[in-house]
C-alpha cells in the first residue's frame, strides 16, 4: 500500500497543504484594525449633513463589501442618527472614497465615522 503513494506525491500534498494554510493565515491576519477612515463634513442642510471621506486598507489583502457607519453624536458620544453607505472594494494597501448622508437632529455636536462591516474575497466572514 505504501508503494502506491510515492514520496514525490506526498511532498506535493504537503506543499499544497502548506500553501492553503499560509493563505488562510494571511486572511486571518487581516483585521478591522488594518482599515482606517478619514472624513470631512461637506455641507449641512436643513434635513441632512453630507460627509465625504476615504477608507484606507493598510493590510496585504483586498477587502470587499465595505460599509461605513457615519453617525451624528451628542456631547457624550451617544449616537443620535446614522447613515450606513456602501463603499465597495478597498484594495490591499490602497483606499476608496465614500459619501454619506446623516439626518440632522437636535442635540448633535459632531460626527463620528467608522467601519460598519467588510469581508474578504472568497469568504463569508464579517467582523
N, C-alpha and C. Protein backbone atom coordinates (compact mmCIF):
# COMPACT_ATOMS: atom_id res chain seq x y z
N UNK A 1 0.82 -1.19 0.00
CA UNK A 1 0.00 0.00 0.00
C UNK A 1 0.87 1.26 0.00
N UNK A 2 1.96 1.27 0.74
CA UNK A 2 2.83 2.44 0.78
C UNK A 2 3.57 2.63 -0.53
N UNK A 3 3.69 1.58 -1.31
CA UNK A 3 4.38 1.71 -2.59
C UNK A 3 3.49 2.43 -3.61
N UNK A 4 2.17 2.42 -3.40
CA UNK A 4 1.26 3.08 -4.32
C UNK A 4 1.46 4.60 -4.27
N UNK A 5 1.62 5.14 -3.07
CA UNK A 5 1.82 6.58 -2.89
C UNK A 5 3.31 6.84 -2.86
N UNK A 6 3.80 7.49 -3.90
CA UNK A 6 5.24 7.74 -3.98
C UNK A 6 5.62 8.93 -3.11
N UNK A 7 6.89 9.02 -2.80
CA UNK A 7 7.41 10.11 -1.98
C UNK A 7 7.18 11.47 -2.63
N UNK A 8 7.39 11.65 -3.94
CA UNK A 8 7.10 12.95 -4.55
C UNK A 8 5.62 13.35 -4.41
N UNK A 9 4.73 12.37 -4.45
CA UNK A 9 3.31 12.67 -4.30
C UNK A 9 3.03 13.21 -2.89
N UNK A 10 3.64 12.63 -1.89
CA UNK A 10 3.47 13.13 -0.52
C UNK A 10 4.03 14.54 -0.38
N UNK A 11 5.16 14.77 -1.01
CA UNK A 11 5.74 16.13 -0.95
C UNK A 11 4.82 17.15 -1.59
N UNK A 12 4.22 16.81 -2.71
CA UNK A 12 3.27 17.73 -3.36
C UNK A 12 2.06 17.97 -2.49
N UNK A 13 1.57 16.93 -1.87
CA UNK A 13 0.41 17.05 -0.99
C UNK A 13 0.73 17.96 0.20
N UNK A 14 1.90 17.76 0.81
CA UNK A 14 2.30 18.61 1.92
C UNK A 14 2.50 20.06 1.49
N UNK A 15 3.08 20.26 0.31
CA UNK A 15 3.27 21.60 -0.21
C UNK A 15 1.93 22.29 -0.43
N UNK A 16 0.98 21.58 -1.01
CA UNK A 16 -0.36 22.16 -1.22
C UNK A 16 -1.02 22.51 0.11
N UNK A 17 -0.89 21.63 1.09
CA UNK A 17 -1.47 21.91 2.41
C UNK A 17 -0.82 23.14 3.03
N UNK A 18 0.48 23.28 2.88
CA UNK A 18 1.19 24.43 3.42
C UNK A 18 0.71 25.73 2.75
N UNK A 19 0.54 25.69 1.44
CA UNK A 19 0.07 26.88 0.71
C UNK A 19 -1.32 27.28 1.17
N UNK A 20 -2.22 26.31 1.34
CA UNK A 20 -3.58 26.60 1.80
C UNK A 20 -3.54 27.19 3.20
N UNK A 21 -2.75 26.64 4.09
CA UNK A 21 -2.65 27.16 5.46
C UNK A 21 -2.05 28.56 5.47
N UNK A 22 -1.03 28.80 4.66
CA UNK A 22 -0.41 30.13 4.60
C UNK A 22 -1.40 31.17 4.07
N UNK A 23 -2.18 30.81 3.07
CA UNK A 23 -3.17 31.75 2.53
C UNK A 23 -4.25 32.05 3.56
N UNK A 24 -4.70 31.03 4.27
CA UNK A 24 -5.71 31.24 5.31
C UNK A 24 -5.16 32.10 6.44
N UNK A 25 -3.91 31.91 6.79
CA UNK A 25 -3.30 32.71 7.86
C UNK A 25 -3.19 34.16 7.45
N UNK A 26 -2.88 34.44 6.19
CA UNK A 26 -2.78 35.84 5.77
C UNK A 26 -4.14 36.52 5.79
N UNK A 27 -5.20 35.81 5.45
CA UNK A 27 -6.54 36.39 5.53
C UNK A 27 -6.94 36.58 6.98
N UNK A 28 -6.62 35.61 7.83
CA UNK A 28 -6.95 35.74 9.24
C UNK A 28 -6.19 36.88 9.90
N UNK A 29 -4.99 37.17 9.40
CA UNK A 29 -4.20 38.26 9.97
C UNK A 29 -4.78 39.62 9.62
N UNK A 30 -5.56 39.71 8.56
CA UNK A 30 -6.20 40.97 8.18
C UNK A 30 -7.38 41.20 9.11
N UNK A 31 -7.39 42.32 9.79
CA UNK A 31 -8.48 42.63 10.71
C UNK A 31 -9.00 44.02 10.45
N UNK A 32 -10.03 44.39 11.18
CA UNK A 32 -10.58 45.74 11.06
C UNK A 32 -9.54 46.78 11.45
N UNK A 33 -8.54 46.39 12.25
CA UNK A 33 -7.52 47.36 12.64
C UNK A 33 -6.64 47.76 11.45
N UNK A 34 -6.68 47.01 10.36
CA UNK A 34 -5.95 47.37 9.16
C UNK A 34 -6.72 48.38 8.31
N UNK A 35 -7.96 48.65 8.70
CA UNK A 35 -8.79 49.61 7.98
C UNK A 35 -8.90 50.89 8.80
N UNK A 36 -8.77 52.03 8.13
CA UNK A 36 -8.95 53.32 8.81
C UNK A 36 -9.76 54.23 7.91
N UNK A 37 -10.41 55.20 8.54
CA UNK A 37 -11.34 56.07 7.84
C UNK A 37 -11.00 57.53 8.12
N UNK A 38 -11.03 58.35 7.09
CA UNK A 38 -10.96 59.80 7.26
C UNK A 38 -12.25 60.38 6.70
N UNK A 39 -12.66 61.52 7.23
CA UNK A 39 -13.88 62.13 6.72
C UNK A 39 -13.89 63.64 6.96
N UNK A 40 -14.74 64.32 6.22
CA UNK A 40 -14.99 65.74 6.43
C UNK A 40 -16.47 66.00 6.17
N UNK A 41 -16.98 67.05 6.78
CA UNK A 41 -18.37 67.45 6.57
C UNK A 41 -18.38 68.41 5.39
N UNK A 42 -19.03 68.01 4.30
CA UNK A 42 -19.08 68.84 3.10
C UNK A 42 -20.07 69.97 3.24
N UNK A 43 -21.29 69.62 3.66
CA UNK A 43 -22.29 70.66 3.88
C UNK A 43 -23.38 70.11 4.79
N UNK A 44 -24.03 71.03 5.46
CA UNK A 44 -25.14 70.67 6.33
C UNK A 44 -26.37 71.44 5.88
N UNK A 45 -27.41 70.71 5.54
CA UNK A 45 -28.67 71.31 5.12
C UNK A 45 -29.68 71.23 6.23
N UNK A 46 -30.92 71.60 5.93
CA UNK A 46 -31.94 71.57 6.98
C UNK A 46 -32.33 70.16 7.43
N UNK A 47 -32.13 69.17 6.56
CA UNK A 47 -32.55 67.81 6.92
C UNK A 47 -31.41 66.80 7.01
N UNK A 48 -30.28 67.10 6.34
CA UNK A 48 -29.18 66.11 6.32
C UNK A 48 -27.84 66.80 6.20
N UNK A 49 -26.83 66.14 6.78
CA UNK A 49 -25.44 66.55 6.61
C UNK A 49 -24.82 65.61 5.59
N UNK A 50 -23.98 66.15 4.73
CA UNK A 50 -23.29 65.34 3.74
C UNK A 50 -21.82 65.25 4.12
N UNK A 51 -21.35 64.03 4.29
CA UNK A 51 -19.97 63.77 4.64
C UNK A 51 -19.29 63.06 3.48
N UNK A 52 -17.99 63.27 3.35
CA UNK A 52 -17.22 62.51 2.37
C UNK A 52 -15.93 62.09 3.03
N UNK A 53 -15.32 61.05 2.51
CA UNK A 53 -14.08 60.57 3.08
C UNK A 53 -13.49 59.43 2.29
N UNK A 54 -12.52 58.79 2.92
CA UNK A 54 -11.83 57.66 2.30
C UNK A 54 -11.65 56.56 3.34
N UNK A 55 -11.73 55.32 2.86
CA UNK A 55 -11.39 54.15 3.66
C UNK A 55 -10.03 53.67 3.17
N UNK A 56 -9.08 53.55 4.09
CA UNK A 56 -7.73 53.09 3.76
C UNK A 56 -7.57 51.65 4.26
N UNK A 57 -6.96 50.82 3.43
CA UNK A 57 -6.67 49.44 3.77
C UNK A 57 -5.15 49.29 3.87
N UNK A 58 -4.63 49.23 5.08
CA UNK A 58 -3.19 49.08 5.29
C UNK A 58 -2.75 47.62 5.25
N UNK A 59 -3.69 46.70 5.07
CA UNK A 59 -3.38 45.28 5.06
C UNK A 59 -2.91 44.79 3.69
N UNK A 60 -2.54 43.52 3.66
CA UNK A 60 -1.99 42.90 2.45
C UNK A 60 -3.03 42.17 1.63
N UNK A 61 -4.31 42.23 2.05
CA UNK A 61 -5.37 41.51 1.36
C UNK A 61 -6.49 42.51 1.04
N UNK A 62 -7.05 42.41 -0.18
CA UNK A 62 -8.20 43.25 -0.52
C UNK A 62 -9.36 42.95 0.42
N UNK A 63 -10.22 43.94 0.65
CA UNK A 63 -11.47 43.73 1.36
C UNK A 63 -12.60 44.16 0.45
N UNK A 64 -13.72 43.46 0.55
CA UNK A 64 -14.86 43.74 -0.32
C UNK A 64 -16.10 43.97 0.53
N UNK A 65 -17.13 44.45 -0.13
CA UNK A 65 -18.42 44.72 0.53
C UNK A 65 -18.23 45.56 1.79
N UNK A 66 -17.44 46.62 1.66
CA UNK A 66 -17.16 47.50 2.79
C UNK A 66 -18.30 48.50 2.95
N UNK A 67 -18.77 48.64 4.18
CA UNK A 67 -19.74 49.65 4.56
C UNK A 67 -19.15 50.48 5.69
N UNK A 68 -19.40 51.78 5.69
CA UNK A 68 -19.01 52.62 6.81
C UNK A 68 -20.26 53.03 7.57
N UNK A 69 -20.06 53.45 8.82
CA UNK A 69 -21.14 53.92 9.66
C UNK A 69 -20.84 55.38 9.99
N UNK A 70 -21.63 56.29 9.46
CA UNK A 70 -21.48 57.72 9.72
C UNK A 70 -22.57 58.11 10.71
N UNK A 71 -22.17 58.61 11.88
CA UNK A 71 -23.13 58.89 12.95
C UNK A 71 -23.06 60.33 13.40
N UNK A 72 -24.23 60.89 13.70
CA UNK A 72 -24.32 62.18 14.39
C UNK A 72 -24.33 61.84 15.88
N UNK A 73 -23.44 62.47 16.64
CA UNK A 73 -23.32 62.16 18.07
C UNK A 73 -23.51 63.43 18.90
N UNK A 74 -23.96 63.23 20.17
CA UNK A 74 -24.09 64.36 21.08
C UNK A 74 -22.78 64.57 21.83
N UNK A 75 -22.77 65.49 22.79
CA UNK A 75 -21.56 65.81 23.55
C UNK A 75 -20.94 64.60 24.24
N UNK A 76 -21.78 63.66 24.68
CA UNK A 76 -21.27 62.48 25.39
C UNK A 76 -20.86 61.35 24.46
N UNK A 77 -21.10 61.51 23.16
CA UNK A 77 -20.74 60.47 22.19
C UNK A 77 -21.89 59.54 21.84
N UNK A 78 -23.06 59.79 22.42
CA UNK A 78 -24.23 58.96 22.12
C UNK A 78 -24.67 59.18 20.67
N UNK A 79 -24.94 58.11 19.96
CA UNK A 79 -25.37 58.18 18.57
C UNK A 79 -26.84 58.62 18.52
N UNK A 80 -27.08 59.71 17.79
CA UNK A 80 -28.43 60.25 17.64
C UNK A 80 -29.05 59.91 16.28
N UNK A 81 -28.22 59.79 15.26
CA UNK A 81 -28.68 59.44 13.90
C UNK A 81 -27.50 58.86 13.16
N UNK A 82 -27.79 58.08 12.11
CA UNK A 82 -26.69 57.49 11.37
C UNK A 82 -27.06 57.20 9.93
N UNK A 83 -26.04 57.07 9.12
CA UNK A 83 -26.16 56.61 7.75
C UNK A 83 -25.12 55.54 7.53
N UNK A 84 -25.44 54.53 6.73
CA UNK A 84 -24.51 53.42 6.50
C UNK A 84 -24.32 53.25 5.00
N UNK A 85 -23.41 54.02 4.40
CA UNK A 85 -23.20 53.91 2.95
C UNK A 85 -22.30 52.75 2.57
N UNK A 86 -22.52 52.26 1.36
CA UNK A 86 -21.72 51.20 0.77
C UNK A 86 -20.47 51.82 0.15
N UNK A 87 -19.30 51.26 0.46
CA UNK A 87 -18.05 51.74 -0.12
C UNK A 87 -17.63 50.84 -1.28
N UNK A 88 -17.77 49.53 -1.11
CA UNK A 88 -17.37 48.59 -2.15
C UNK A 88 -16.06 47.91 -1.81
N UNK A 89 -15.17 47.80 -2.78
CA UNK A 89 -13.88 47.12 -2.59
C UNK A 89 -12.82 48.15 -2.23
N UNK A 90 -11.99 47.78 -1.25
CA UNK A 90 -10.82 48.60 -0.90
C UNK A 90 -9.61 47.71 -1.12
N UNK A 91 -8.77 48.05 -2.10
CA UNK A 91 -7.64 47.18 -2.42
C UNK A 91 -6.59 47.17 -1.32
N UNK A 92 -5.80 46.11 -1.29
CA UNK A 92 -4.70 45.99 -0.33
C UNK A 92 -3.78 47.20 -0.50
N UNK A 93 -3.41 47.79 0.63
CA UNK A 93 -2.53 48.96 0.65
C UNK A 93 -3.03 50.09 -0.24
N UNK A 94 -4.36 50.22 -0.30
CA UNK A 94 -4.99 51.26 -1.12
C UNK A 94 -6.11 51.92 -0.37
N UNK A 95 -6.95 52.65 -1.10
CA UNK A 95 -8.07 53.35 -0.47
C UNK A 95 -9.23 53.45 -1.45
N UNK A 96 -10.40 53.81 -0.91
CA UNK A 96 -11.60 54.02 -1.72
C UNK A 96 -12.40 55.16 -1.10
N UNK A 97 -13.03 55.99 -1.94
CA UNK A 97 -13.82 57.10 -1.42
C UNK A 97 -15.22 56.67 -1.02
N UNK A 98 -15.87 57.51 -0.20
CA UNK A 98 -17.28 57.29 0.12
C UNK A 98 -17.95 58.64 0.35
N UNK A 99 -19.26 58.64 0.24
CA UNK A 99 -20.11 59.78 0.59
C UNK A 99 -21.22 59.25 1.46
N UNK A 100 -21.58 60.04 2.48
CA UNK A 100 -22.62 59.62 3.42
C UNK A 100 -23.56 60.78 3.70
N UNK A 101 -24.80 60.46 3.93
CA UNK A 101 -25.78 61.45 4.38
C UNK A 101 -26.27 61.00 5.75
N UNK A 102 -26.27 61.97 6.69
CA UNK A 102 -26.71 61.69 8.05
C UNK A 102 -27.81 62.69 8.38
N UNK A 103 -28.96 62.22 8.90
CA UNK A 103 -30.03 63.16 9.24
C UNK A 103 -29.56 64.19 10.28
N UNK A 104 -30.00 65.43 10.11
CA UNK A 104 -29.74 66.49 11.10
C UNK A 104 -30.75 66.32 12.22
N UNK A 105 -30.25 66.24 13.46
CA UNK A 105 -31.12 66.06 14.61
C UNK A 105 -30.73 67.04 15.71
N UNK A 106 -31.70 67.45 16.54
CA UNK A 106 -31.38 68.35 17.64
C UNK A 106 -30.40 67.68 18.62
N UNK A 107 -29.45 68.43 19.12
CA UNK A 107 -28.50 67.93 20.11
C UNK A 107 -27.23 67.35 19.52
N UNK A 108 -27.14 67.26 18.20
CA UNK A 108 -25.94 66.71 17.58
C UNK A 108 -24.79 67.69 17.74
N UNK A 109 -23.66 67.19 18.25
CA UNK A 109 -22.48 68.04 18.46
C UNK A 109 -21.39 67.77 17.44
N UNK A 110 -21.49 66.67 16.71
CA UNK A 110 -20.46 66.33 15.73
C UNK A 110 -20.79 65.02 15.05
N UNK A 111 -19.80 64.52 14.31
CA UNK A 111 -19.99 63.29 13.54
C UNK A 111 -18.84 62.34 13.79
N UNK A 112 -19.17 61.07 13.82
CA UNK A 112 -18.18 60.01 14.01
C UNK A 112 -18.36 59.02 12.86
N UNK A 113 -17.24 58.61 12.24
CA UNK A 113 -17.31 57.68 11.11
C UNK A 113 -16.37 56.52 11.38
N UNK A 114 -16.83 55.30 11.13
CA UNK A 114 -16.01 54.10 11.30
C UNK A 114 -16.46 53.01 10.36
N UNK A 115 -15.78 51.89 10.42
CA UNK A 115 -16.12 50.73 9.58
C UNK A 115 -17.32 50.04 10.19
N UNK A 116 -18.34 49.81 9.38
CA UNK A 116 -19.51 49.07 9.84
C UNK A 116 -19.33 47.56 9.59
N UNK A 117 -18.92 47.21 8.37
CA UNK A 117 -18.69 45.79 8.06
C UNK A 117 -17.85 45.68 6.79
N UNK A 118 -17.27 44.50 6.61
CA UNK A 118 -16.50 44.18 5.41
C UNK A 118 -16.32 42.68 5.38
N UNK A 119 -15.83 42.18 4.25
CA UNK A 119 -15.47 40.76 4.17
C UNK A 119 -14.31 40.60 3.21
N UNK A 120 -13.73 39.43 3.25
CA UNK A 120 -12.62 39.10 2.37
C UNK A 120 -13.12 38.36 1.15
N UNK A 121 -12.45 38.48 0.01
CA UNK A 121 -12.88 37.72 -1.17
C UNK A 121 -12.88 36.22 -0.87
N UNK A 122 -13.85 35.52 -1.43
CA UNK A 122 -13.97 34.06 -1.29
C UNK A 122 -14.22 33.60 0.13
N UNK A 123 -14.76 34.47 0.98
CA UNK A 123 -15.17 34.06 2.33
C UNK A 123 -16.54 34.62 2.61
N UNK A 124 -17.15 34.14 3.65
CA UNK A 124 -18.43 34.66 4.07
C UNK A 124 -18.33 35.31 5.44
N UNK A 125 -17.11 35.57 5.88
CA UNK A 125 -16.89 36.13 7.20
C UNK A 125 -17.09 37.64 7.20
N UNK A 126 -17.45 38.17 8.35
CA UNK A 126 -17.58 39.59 8.56
C UNK A 126 -17.26 39.86 10.02
N UNK A 127 -16.66 41.01 10.30
CA UNK A 127 -16.32 41.27 11.71
C UNK A 127 -17.53 41.55 12.55
